Amino acid sequence: MFIFTVPQNHVAIVEMFGKPRSIRRSGLGFHFPIIQSLKAVPDWPATQKDGVFIELTEQLLDTKTRSCITKDNATMQVNCIVRWRIVDAIKAVYEVERLHQSLIELVLNEMRSLIGSRNLDEILSSRSEISEKVVLTTAATAERWGVNITSIEIKELTTDSETKEAMLRQMEAERVSRSIALKAEGESTAKVKIAESEKQATILKAQGVSEALRIAAEAESAYVAKLAEVIGPEAAAKVLMNRQALEGYTTISSNPASTVYLPNNVQTMLDIKR
């Protein structure tokens, strides 16, 4: 038949003598029998209607599980979902054989290469980053095939039983380590607070003693001034000397084992001292 209809969001390639002649987009199309024919793509998935219409909408590919080895020699199983679309039907048909299988192999090989350059912990904590890098590294090859890879999502990322047990032991060790660190940090903080409290108490006590001495000194000065006004400066000096002498005797005699001898004439001694 030389008249055909191309479905929405699909194209068909018209060949002449085995070479691509034109692209028929959605709607009514025709070709000349014998010298022209529609390019068949039978090795593509069944979603390609009649094996000649090429879909242009975004498609999904569920890759097979691929075994990968990380930089620290851990074995992992990875499976991806690839979102892609054809932007150049001629390249998608003529530049690569078995486009869908080639895309799967391209993505899985790049994923395996990237996983092999990283440690296990880094891979598990940066899945989205790895997916974005695979998109970037496969962009040039996909463009050469007339394909635009929209995104790659890691569907499954599993490890073997030995690696899982090692990860569990590591997680338990990390929990214990964090617990010890938090306990030590709490004890250190408590000691610091206690030291700060003791320091503040010492400062306040010293300030209190200093204030008490200042008040006592002011009171003593006021007392001496008042006494000098009442009995005169010389008499006030003698009174103060006598008082200091008595206070000295009191300090000396505070020990019951001490024997204190007082002079017969305290006033005479004070006069001589003065």
C-alpha atoms as a PDB file:
ATOM      1  CA  MET A   1       0.000   0.000   0.000  1.00  0.00           C
ATOM      2  CA  PHE A   2       1.274   3.466  -0.894  1.00  0.00           C
ATOM      3  CA  ILE A   3      -1.082   5.378   1.465  1.00  0.00           C
ATOM      4  CA  PHE A   4      -0.593   5.139   5.245  1.00  0.00           C
ATOM      5  CA  THR A   5      -1.388   7.064   8.424  1.00  0.00           C
ATOM      6  CA  VAL A   6       1.264   7.957  11.007  1.00  0.00           C
ATOM      7  CA  PRO A   7      -0.070   7.996  14.616  1.00  0.00           C
ATOM      8  CA  GLN A   8       0.262  11.022  16.903  1.00  0.00           C
ATOM      9  CA  ASN A   9       3.777  11.588  18.308  1.00  0.00           C
ATOM     10  CA  HIS A  10       5.252   9.061  15.897  1.00  0.00           C
ATOM     11  CA  VAL A  11       7.270   9.272  12.682  1.00  0.00           C
ATOM     12  CA  ALA A  12       8.028   6.911   9.826  1.00  0.00           C
ATOM     13  CA  ILE A  13      11.148   6.853   7.659  1.00  0.00           C
ATOM     14  CA  VAL A  14      10.677   6.528   3.918  1.00  0.00           C
ATOM     15  CA  GLU A  15      13.570   4.804   2.146  1.00  0.00           C
ATOM     16  CA  MET A  16      14.455   4.944  -1.540  1.00  0.00           C
ATOM     17  CA  PHE A  17      16.752   2.249  -2.843  1.00  0.00           C
ATOM     18  CA  GLY A  18      17.798   1.391   0.714  1.00  0.00           C
ATOM     19  CA  LYS A  19      18.642   4.951   1.774  1.00  0.00           C
ATOM     20  CA  PRO A  20      16.577   7.309   3.965  1.00  0.00           C
ATOM     21  CA  ARG A  21      14.640   9.658   1.709  1.00  0.00           C
ATOM     22  CA  SER A  22      12.316  11.552   4.074  1.00  0.00           C
ATOM     23  CA  ILE A  23      10.530  11.458   7.411  1.00  0.00           C
ATOM     24  CA  ARG A  24       6.731  11.274   7.557  1.00  0.00           C
ATOM     25  CA  ARG A  25       5.222  12.772  10.671  1.00  0.00           C
ATOM     26  CA  SER A  26       1.775  12.227  12.227  1.00  0.00           C
ATOM     27  CA  GLY A  27      -1.065  12.314   9.729  1.00  0.00           C
ATOM     28  CA  LEU A  28      -1.670  10.984   6.240  1.00  0.00           C
ATOM     29  CA  GLY A  29       1.359   9.930   4.198  1.00  0.00           C
ATOM     30  CA  PHE A  30       2.191   8.076   1.027  1.00  0.00           C
ATOM     31  CA  HIS A  31       5.123   6.546  -0.800  1.00  0.00           C
ATOM     32  CA  PHE A  32       5.738   5.078  -4.247  1.00  0.00           C
ATOM     33  CA  PRO A  33       5.806   1.299  -4.213  1.00  0.00           C
ATOM     34  CA  ILE A  34       8.784  -0.603  -5.603  1.00  0.00           C
ATOM     35  CA  ILE A  35      11.133   2.402  -5.457  1.00  0.00           C
ATOM     36  CA  GLN A  36      10.137   3.555  -1.949  1.00  0.00           C
ATOM     37  CA  SER A  37       9.365   1.710   1.273  1.00  0.00           C
ATOM     38  CA  LEU A  38       8.865   2.370   4.978  1.00  0.00           C
ATOM     39  CA  LYS A  39      11.875   1.522   7.125  1.00  0.00           C
ATOM     40  CA  ALA A  40      11.047  -1.390   9.388  1.00  0.00           C
ATOM     41  CA  VAL A  41      12.364  -1.493  12.957  1.00  0.00           C
ATOM     42  CA  PRO A  42      11.365  -5.046  13.999  1.00  0.00           C
ATOM     43  CA  ASP A  43      13.986  -5.393  16.738  1.00  0.00           C
ATOM     44  CA  TRP A  44      12.450  -2.525  18.761  1.00  0.00           C
ATOM     45  CA  PRO A  45       9.919  -3.177  21.542  1.00  0.00           C
ATOM     46  CA  ALA A  46       6.313  -3.999  20.732  1.00  0.00           C
ATOM     47  CA  THR A  47       5.250  -0.424  21.575  1.00  0.00           C
ATOM     48  CA  GLN A  48       6.444   0.565  18.100  1.00  0.00           C
ATOM     49  CA  LYS A  49       3.212   0.145  16.129  1.00  0.00           C
ATOM     50  CA  ASP A  50       3.444  -2.169  13.089  1.00  0.00           C
ATOM     51  CA  GLY A  51       7.238  -2.171  13.409  1.00  0.00           C
ATOM     52  CA  VAL A  52       7.656   0.942  11.213  1.00  0.00           C
ATOM     53  CA  PHE A  53       6.448   3.840  13.376  1.00  0.00           C
ATOM     54  CA  ILE A  54       9.008   5.396  15.724  1.00  0.00           C
ATOM     55  CA  GLU A  55       7.683   6.923  18.951  1.00  0.00           C
ATOM     56  CA  LEU A  56       8.878  10.429  19.873  1.00  0.00           C
ATOM     57  CA  THR A  57       7.339  10.764  23.347  1.00  0.00           C
ATOM     58  CA  GLU A  58       9.394  10.182  26.480  1.00  0.00           C
ATOM     59  CA  GLN A  59       9.906   6.496  27.191  1.00  0.00           C
ATOM     60  CA  LEU A  60      11.047   4.366  30.088  1.00  0.00           C
ATOM     61  CA  LEU A  61      13.649   1.626  30.157  1.00  0.00           C
ATOM     62  CA  ASP A  62      13.966  -0.707  33.116  1.00  0.00           C
ATOM     63  CA  THR A  63      17.527  -1.993  32.963  1.00  0.00           C
ATOM     64  CA  LYS A  64      18.576  -5.411  34.103  1.00  0.00           C
ATOM     65  CA  THR A  65      20.406  -5.865  37.371  1.00  0.00           C
ATOM     66  CA  ARG A  66      24.148  -5.412  36.969  1.00  0.00           C
ATOM     67  CA  SER A  67      26.824  -6.520  39.445  1.00  0.00           C
ATOM     68  CA  CYS A  68      29.340  -3.814  40.400  1.00  0.00           C
ATOM     69  CA  ILE A  69      32.393  -3.711  42.655  1.00  0.00           C
ATOM     70  CA  THR A  70      33.132  -0.578  44.654  1.00  0.00           C
ATOM     71  CA  LYS A  71      36.525   0.992  45.268  1.00  0.00           C
ATOM     72  CA  ASP A  72      36.742  -0.750  48.661  1.00  0.00           C
ATOM     73  CA  ASN A  73      35.930  -4.163  47.066  1.00  0.00           C
ATOM     74  CA  ALA A  74      32.267  -4.389  48.112  1.00  0.00           C
ATOM     75  CA  THR A  75      29.931  -6.182  45.683  1.00  0.00           C
ATOM     76  CA  MET A  76      26.715  -4.351  44.788  1.00  0.00           C
ATOM     77  CA  GLN A  77      23.717  -5.041  42.568  1.00  0.00           C
ATOM     78  CA  VAL A  78      22.317  -2.013  40.707  1.00  0.00           C
ATOM     79  CA  ASN A  79      19.164  -1.567  38.638  1.00  0.00           C
ATOM     80  CA  CYS A  80      18.085   1.694  36.968  1.00  0.00           C
ATOM     81  CA  ILE A  81      15.115   3.393  35.383  1.00  0.00           C
ATOM     82  CA  VAL A  82      16.079   5.427  32.299  1.00  0.00           C
ATOM     83  CA  ARG A  83      13.827   8.172  30.938  1.00  0.00           C
ATOM     84  CA  TRP A  84      14.667   9.093  27.354  1.00  0.00           C
ATOM     85  CA  ARG A  85      13.204  10.289  24.061  1.00  0.00           C
ATOM     86  CA  ILE A  86      14.182  10.242  20.382  1.00  0.00           C
ATOM     87  CA  VAL A  87      15.081  13.642  18.945  1.00  0.00           C
ATOM     88  CA  ASP A  88      16.518  12.470  15.622  1.00  0.00           C
ATOM     89  CA  ALA A  89      14.819   9.434  14.104  1.00  0.00           C
ATOM     90  CA  ILE A  90      17.401   9.026  11.327  1.00  0.00           C
ATOM     91  CA  LYS A  91      20.283   8.728  13.802  1.00  0.00           C
ATOM     92  CA  ALA A  92      18.255   6.485  16.126  1.00  0.00           C
ATOM     93  CA  VAL A  93      17.705   4.003  13.300  1.00  0.00           C
ATOM     94  CA  TYR A  94      20.919   4.181  11.257  1.00  0.00           C
ATOM     95  CA  GLU A  95      23.635   5.211  13.725  1.00  0.00           C
ATOM     96  CA  VAL A  96      23.149   2.389  16.214  1.00  0.00           C
ATOM     97  CA  GLU A  97      21.977  -1.203  16.084  1.00  0.00           C
ATOM     98  CA  ARG A  98      19.322  -2.231  18.590  1.00  0.00           C
ATOM     99  CA  LEU A  99      18.878   1.179  20.176  1.00  0.00           C
ATOM    100  CA  HIS A 100      17.086   0.055  23.324  1.00  0.00           C
ATOM    101  CA  GLN A 101      19.615  -2.605  24.252  1.00  0.00           C
ATOM    102  CA  SER A 102      22.466  -0.220  23.449  1.00  0.00           C
ATOM    103  CA  LEU A 103      21.004   2.413  25.812  1.00  0.00           C
ATOM    104  CA  ILE A 104      20.718  -0.141  28.599  1.00  0.00           C
ATOM    105  CA  GLU A 105      24.320  -1.265  28.154  1.00  0.00           C
ATOM    106  CA  LEU A 106      25.545   2.335  27.927  1.00  0.00           C
ATOM    107  CA  VAL A 107      23.862   3.371  31.184  1.00  0.00           C
ATOM    108  CA  LEU A 108      24.863   0.248  33.122  1.00  0.00           C
ATOM    109  CA  ASN A 109      28.478   0.414  31.973  1.00  0.00           C
ATOM    110  CA  GLU A 110      28.778   4.067  32.999  1.00  0.00           C
ATOM    111  CA  MET A 111      27.070   3.277  36.301  1.00  0.00           C
ATOM    112  CA  ARG A 112      29.476   0.406  36.977  1.00  0.00           C
ATOM    113  CA  SER A 113      32.464   2.588  36.119  1.00  0.00           C
ATOM    114  CA  LEU A 114      31.337   5.368  38.450  1.00  0.00           C
ATOM    115  CA  ILE A 115      30.531   2.987  41.309  1.00  0.00           C
ATOM    116  CA  GLY A 116      33.948   1.381  40.909  1.00  0.00           C
ATOM    117  CA  SER A 117      35.611   4.746  41.579  1.00  0.00           C
ATOM    118  CA  ARG A 118      33.877   5.308  44.938  1.00  0.00           C
ATOM    119  CA  ASN A 119      33.675   3.676  48.352  1.00  0.00           C
ATOM    120  CA  LEU A 120      30.529   1.934  49.576  1.00  0.00           C
ATOM    121  CA  ASP A 121      29.572   4.605  52.135  1.00  0.00           C
ATOM    122  CA  GLU A 122      29.952   7.356  49.565  1.00  0.00           C
ATOM    123  CA  ILE A 123      27.750   5.494  47.072  1.00  0.00           C
ATOM    124  CA  LEU A 124      24.951   4.864  49.552  1.00  0.00           C
ATOM    125  CA  SER A 125      24.872   8.523  50.612  1.00  0.00           C
ATOM    126  CA  SER A 126      24.982  10.060  47.119  1.00  0.00           C
ATOM    127  CA  ARG A 127      22.625   8.075  44.868  1.00  0.00           C
ATOM    128  CA  SER A 128      21.076  11.146  43.236  1.00  0.00           C
ATOM    129  CA  GLU A 129      24.514  12.642  42.557  1.00  0.00           C
ATOM    130  CA  ILE A 130      25.655   9.419  40.907  1.00  0.00           C
ATOM    131  CA  SER A 131      22.533   9.362  38.712  1.00  0.00           C
ATOM    132  CA  GLU A 132      23.113  12.946  37.579  1.00  0.00           C
ATOM    133  CA  LYS A 133      26.742  12.210  36.699  1.00  0.00           C
ATOM    134  CA  VAL A 134      25.737   9.168  34.653  1.00  0.00           C
ATOM    135  CA  VAL A 135      23.306  11.377  32.707  1.00  0.00           C
ATOM    136  CA  LEU A 136      26.135  13.812  31.954  1.00  0.00           C
ATOM    137  CA  THR A 137      28.660  11.145  30.962  1.00  0.00           C
ATOM    138  CA  THR A 138      26.208   9.381  28.608  1.00  0.00           C
ATOM    139  CA  ALA A 139      24.887  12.588  26.998  1.00  0.00           C
ATOM    140  CA  ALA A 140      27.473  12.723  24.180  1.00  0.00           C
ATOM    141  CA  THR A 141      26.952   9.118  23.090  1.00  0.00           C
ATOM    142  CA  ALA A 142      23.161   9.425  23.348  1.00  0.00           C
ATOM    143  CA  GLU A 143      23.248  12.563  21.202  1.00  0.00           C
ATOM    144  CA  ARG A 144      25.230  10.701  18.556  1.00  0.00           C
ATOM    145  CA  TRP A 145      22.406   8.146  18.514  1.00  0.00           C
ATOM    146  CA  GLY A 146      19.736  10.848  18.167  1.00  0.00           C
ATOM    147  CA  VAL A 147      18.521  10.333  21.735  1.00  0.00           C
ATOM    148  CA  ASN A 148      18.141  12.668  24.710  1.00  0.00           C
ATOM    149  CA  ILE A 149      18.413  10.970  28.126  1.00  0.00           C
ATOM    150  CA  THR A 150      16.137  12.951  30.436  1.00  0.00           C
ATOM    151  CA  SER A 151      16.993  11.305  33.746  1.00  0.00           C
ATOM    152  CA  ILE A 152      18.359   8.149  35.327  1.00  0.00           C
ATOM    153  CA  GLU A 153      17.049   6.851  38.636  1.00  0.00           C
ATOM    154  CA  ILE A 154      18.658   4.105  40.676  1.00  0.00           C
ATOM    155  CA  LYS A 155      15.790   1.698  41.297  1.00  0.00           C
ATOM    156  CA  GLU A 156      17.640  -0.855  43.393  1.00  0.00           C
ATOM    157  CA  LEU A 157      21.034  -0.718  45.049  1.00  0.00           C
ATOM    158  CA  THR A 158      21.709  -3.801  47.145  1.00  0.00           C
ATOM    159  CA  THR A 159      24.750  -5.528  48.604  1.00  0.00           C
ATOM    160  CA  ASP A 160      25.612  -9.142  49.391  1.00  0.00           C
ATOM    161  CA  SER A 161      25.041 -10.692  52.830  1.00  0.00           C
ATOM    162  CA  GLU A 162      28.639 -10.273  53.993  1.00  0.00           C
ATOM    163  CA  THR A 163      28.636  -6.583  53.130  1.00  0.00           C
ATOM    164  CA  LYS A 164      25.293  -6.104  54.907  1.00  0.00           C
ATOM    165  CA  GLU A 165      26.651  -7.724  58.079  1.00  0.00           C
ATOM    166  CA  ALA A 166      29.761  -5.541  57.921  1.00  0.00           C
ATOM    167  CA  MET A 167      27.577  -2.448  57.479  1.00  0.00           C
ATOM    168  CA  LEU A 168      25.459  -3.422  60.483  1.00  0.00           C
ATOM    169  CA  ARG A 169      28.571  -3.881  62.613  1.00  0.00           C
ATOM    170  CA  GLN A 170      29.894  -0.535  61.440  1.00  0.00           C
ATOM    171  CA  MET A 171      26.585   1.187  62.235  1.00  0.00           C
ATOM    172  CA  GLU A 172      26.575  -0.325  65.728  1.00  0.00           C
ATOM    173  CA  ALA A 173      30.170   0.792  66.301  1.00  0.00           C
ATOM    174  CA  GLU A 174      29.289   4.309  65.132  1.00  0.00           C
ATOM    175  CA  ARG A 175      26.301   4.440  67.513  1.00  0.00           C
ATOM    176  CA  VAL A 176      28.496   3.376  70.435  1.00  0.00           C
ATOM    177  CA  SER A 177      31.141   5.911  69.425  1.00  0.00           C
ATOM    178  CA  ARG A 178      28.558   8.719  69.217  1.00  0.00           C
ATOM    179  CA  SER A 179      27.150   7.728  72.613  1.00  0.00           C
ATOM    180  CA  ILE A 180      30.612   7.835  74.216  1.00  0.00           C
ATOM    181  CA  ALA A 181      31.376  11.161  72.540  1.00  0.00           C
ATOM    182  CA  LEU A 182      28.091  12.701  73.722  1.00  0.00           C
ATOM    183  CA  LYS A 183      28.676  11.448  77.278  1.00  0.00           C
ATOM    184  CA  ALA A 184      32.216  12.848  77.320  1.00  0.00           C
ATOM    185  CA  GLU A 185      30.980  16.137  75.906  1.00  0.00           C
ATOM    186  CA  GLY A 186      28.280  16.346  78.579  1.00  0.00           C
ATOM    187  CA  GLU A 187      30.769  15.657  81.382  1.00  0.00           C
ATOM    188  CA  SER A 188      33.166  18.240  79.964  1.00  0.00           C
ATOM    189  CA  THR A 189      30.397  20.833  79.754  1.00  0.00           C
ATOM    190  CA  ALA A 190      29.347  20.106  83.335  1.00  0.00           C
ATOM    191  CA  LYS A 191      32.923  20.521  84.584  1.00  0.00           C
ATOM    192  CA  VAL A 192      33.269  23.799  82.733  1.00  0.00           C
ATOM    193  CA  LYS A 193      30.038  25.108  84.231  1.00  0.00           C
ATOM    194  CA  ILE A 194      31.106  24.045  87.726  1.00  0.00           C
ATOM    195  CA  ALA A 195      34.474  25.755  87.284  1.00  0.00           C
ATOM    196  CA  GLU A 196      32.772  28.908  86.026  1.00  0.00           C
ATOM    197  CA  SER A 197      30.399  28.861  89.017  1.00  0.00           C
ATOM    198  CA  GLU A 198      33.295  28.451  91.463  1.00  0.00           C
ATOM    199  CA  LYS A 199      35.190  31.231  89.703  1.00  0.00           C
ATOM    200  CA  GLN A 200      32.190  33.538  89.914  1.00  0.00           C
ATOM    201  CA  ALA A 201      31.697  32.669  93.605  1.00  0.00           C
ATOM    202  CA  THR A 202      35.358  33.451  94.351  1.00  0.00           C
ATOM    203  CA  ILE A 203      35.086  36.761  92.528  1.00  0.00           C
ATOM    204  CA  LEU A 204      31.926  37.696  94.421  1.00  0.00           C
ATOM    205  CA  LYS A 205      33.509  36.685  97.744  1.00  0.00           C
ATOM    206  CA  ALA A 206      36.597  38.767  97.021  1.00  0.00           C
ATOM    207  CA  GLN A 207      34.422  41.701  96.053  1.00  0.00           C
ATOM    208  CA  GLY A 208      32.475  41.291  99.308  1.00  0.00           C
ATOM    209  CA  VAL A 209      35.665  41.227 101.413  1.00  0.00           C
ATOM    210  CA  SER A 210      37.007  44.253  99.563  1.00  0.00           C
ATOM    211  CA  GLU A 211      33.769  46.134 100.143  1.00  0.00           C
ATOM    212  CA  ALA A 212      33.763  45.176 103.824  1.00  0.00           C
ATOM    213  CA  LEU A 213      37.347  46.408 104.247  1.00  0.00           C
ATOM    214  CA  ARG A 214      36.484  49.627 102.476  1.00  0.00           C
ATOM    215  CA  ILE A 215      33.476  50.228 104.747  1.00  0.00           C
ATOM    216  CA  ALA A 216      35.564  49.388 107.842  1.00  0.00           C
ATOM    217  CA  ALA A 217      38.293  51.768 106.728  1.00  0.00           C
ATOM    218  CA  GLU A 218      35.765  54.532 106.129  1.00  0.00           C
ATOM    219  CA  ALA A 219      34.199  53.876 109.551  1.00  0.00           C
ATOM    220  CA  GLU A 220      37.628  53.926 111.223  1.00  0.00           C
ATOM    221  CA  SER A 221      38.516  57.179 109.510  1.00  0.00           C
ATOM    222  CA  ALA A 222      35.245  58.749 110.558  1.00  0.00           C
ATOM    223  CA  TYR A 223      35.732  57.538 114.149  1.00  0.00           C
ATOM    224  CA  VAL A 224      39.246  58.995 114.368  1.00  0.00           C
ATOM    225  CA  ALA A 225      38.075  62.308 112.942  1.00  0.00           C
ATOM    226  CA  LYS A 226      35.183  62.505 115.403  1.00  0.00           C
ATOM    227  CA  LEU A 227      37.404  61.526 118.340  1.00  0.00           C
ATOM    228  CA  ALA A 228      39.960  64.174 117.395  1.00  0.00           C
ATOM    229  CA  GLU A 229      37.210  66.810 117.404  1.00  0.00           C
ATOM    230  CA  VAL A 230      36.053  65.809 120.897  1.00  0.00           C
ATOM    231  CA  ILE A 231      39.293  65.233 122.852  1.00  0.00           C
ATOM    232  CA  GLY A 232      41.928  66.671 120.562  1.00  0.00           C
ATOM    233  CA  PRO A 233      44.385  65.140 118.161  1.00  0.00           C
ATOM    234  CA  GLU A 234      47.017  64.103 120.749  1.00  0.00           C
ATOM    235  CA  ALA A 235      44.556  62.446 123.088  1.00  0.00           C
ATOM    236  CA  ALA A 236      42.883  60.697 120.186  1.00  0.00           C
ATOM    237  CA  ALA A 237      46.256  59.335 119.067  1.00  0.00           C
ATOM    238  CA  LYS A 238      46.920  57.916 122.544  1.00  0.00           C
ATOM    239  CA  VAL A 239      43.492  56.279 122.645  1.00  0.00           C
ATOM    240  CA  LEU A 240      44.099  54.627 119.286  1.00  0.00           C
ATOM    241  CA  MET A 241      47.546  53.418 120.360  1.00  0.00           C
ATOM    242  CA  ASN A 242      46.122  51.895 123.538  1.00  0.00           C
ATOM    243  CA  ARG A 243      43.363  50.190 121.593  1.00  0.00           C
ATOM    244  CA  GLN A 244      45.824  48.709 119.067  1.00  0.00           C
ATOM    245  CA  ALA A 245      48.006  47.474 121.935  1.00  0.00           C
ATOM    246  CA  LEU A 246      45.042  45.758 123.589  1.00  0.00           C
ATOM    247  CA  GLU A 247      44.042  44.176 120.292  1.00  0.00           C
ATOM    248  CA  GLY A 248      47.585  42.855 119.915  1.00  0.00           C
ATOM    249  CA  TYR A 249      47.459  41.317 123.387  1.00  0.00           C
ATOM    250  CA  THR A 250      44.133  39.719 122.541  1.00  0.00           C
ATOM    251  CA  THR A 251      45.641  38.109 119.425  1.00  0.00           C
ATOM    252  CA  ILE A 252      48.680  36.872 121.332  1.00  0.00           C
ATOM    253  CA  SER A 253      46.604  35.398 124.167  1.00  0.00           C
ATOM    254  CA  SER A 254      44.138  33.598 121.857  1.00  0.00           C
ATOM    255  CA  ASN A 255      46.189  30.408 122.285  1.00  0.00           C
ATOM    256  CA  PRO A 256      45.494  28.856 125.739  1.00  0.00           C
ATOM    257  CA  ALA A 257      49.012  27.424 125.816  1.00  0.00           C
ATOM    258  CA  SER A 258      50.610  30.866 125.472  1.00  0.00           C
ATOM    259  CA  THR A 259      51.759  32.860 128.503  1.00  0.00           C
ATOM    260  CA  VAL A 260      51.381  36.605 128.141  1.00  0.00           C
ATOM    261  CA  TYR A 261      53.141  39.121 130.408  1.00  0.00           C
ATOM    262  CA  LEU A 262      51.726  42.627 130.432  1.00  0.00           C
ATOM    263  CA  PRO A 263      53.940  45.541 131.408  1.00  0.00           C
ATOM    264  CA  ASN A 264      53.118  47.428 134.644  1.00  0.00           C
ATOM    265  CA  ASN A 265      52.697  50.724 132.915  1.00  0.00           C
ATOM    266  CA  VAL A 266      50.993  50.363 129.530  1.00  0.00           C
ATOM    267  CA  GLN A 267      50.607  54.121 129.220  1.00  0.00           C
ATOM    268  CA  THR A 268      54.358  54.682 129.740  1.00  0.00           C
ATOM    269  CA  MET A 269      55.148  52.053 127.106  1.00  0.00           C
ATOM    270  CA  LEU A 270      52.772  53.686 124.705  1.00  0.00           C
ATOM    271  CA  ASP A 271      54.343  57.081 125.389  1.00  0.00           C
ATOM    272  CA  ILE A 272      57.803  55.696 124.677  1.00  0.00           C
ATOM    273  CA  LYS A 273      56.566  53.974 121.522  1.00  0.00           C
ATOM    274  CA  ARG A 274      54.922  57.139 120.363  1.00  0.00           C
END
